[in-house]
Structures are given as C-alpha cells and as structure tokens.
Amino acid sequence: MKPGCTSGFTLLELIVALAIIAALLALVVPILRPNSNAQLVSSAHTVANALRLSRMRAIASNRPDSFIVDTQLGAYRMENRTHRFPSGIRVGLYTASETALGPSVGSIRFFPDGSSTGGGVLLESDQAGYDVLVDWLTGGISIHERVQMHR
C-alpha cells in the first residue's frame, strides 16, 4: 500500500456494486416467483392434449369417448381419473345442452370417425384467458387467447 492511501471502497464503487445487484435481482426475482400466466398456458396445452387423446381413443377403439369437465370442481375426467386445475384458474365449458351431465358438469364427445359434439373449455385467471376449442366436424382442437377488456 502506498503512503497516504487508505483501504476501503469509494462511494462510486459502492453505487456501481449496488446497481449491479439491483439489476440482477430484477432479472432473478420474476423467475423465482410462480407465474400464474405460465400455469394458465400450461393448463390450456394440457387440456388440448387430453382432448386430442380422447379423440384418438375414440378412433382407435371404434367407440365414442367422452372428455368430462366439472366447472364447479375445476377439474376434468378422463379414463376414470380426475385431474384438477391449479388454484386461481377458473374453468368454463361450451358444449351442446344434450351433453350436460349436471348443473356444473358436461362433456365433449368424440366419435369413431374423428368428429365430435364440438364445444370448448375456457380457462381464465385474473390476468388472461384461453379457449380450447373443438371443431364439431373434424374434431380438431385449437387454443385461442382471449382478449381481455380493461375497465
């Protein structure tokens, strides 16, 4: 050490170090916090895949197959197993009235030729929403982001 110099950090060095730490935290904290939109997108893709599986089962078995949704419970049923959606996700069902199984339960049926009764599953959180739609003629499944109206 040179004579007349003291050990330590200057104010400028401390400010630069704090700025770097703040920038790193700004990048890391959102990654560590659970993202409800990511859960919503994941749930929409899970429903779409489950619907595709139900359609394939109907074609392969040459028998109709049903995808059952319980909007009150926030769950769907396939192959006698119930699958719940993450908390914070609201579920709705668009389907023909003849496929209703109760006040909050309905189904989308797939037929051996690949067609279906049509309809869709609505998944919604406070930030976003997705419609997983089933074409009645082809049985094709598609995911559409809902446009949120700001109040």
Foldseek 3Di string as FASTA:
>chain_A
DDPPDDDDDDPVVVVVVVVVVVVVCVVVVVVPDDDVVVLQVVVLVVVLVVLVVQLVVQQVVQAKGKWKDQQVQQWIDHPNDIDHRDPQKGKDKFFDPVQAPDPRMGIWMHHNVQAIRWIWMWIDGPVWIKTFTAHRGRRHTDIDTDDDDDD
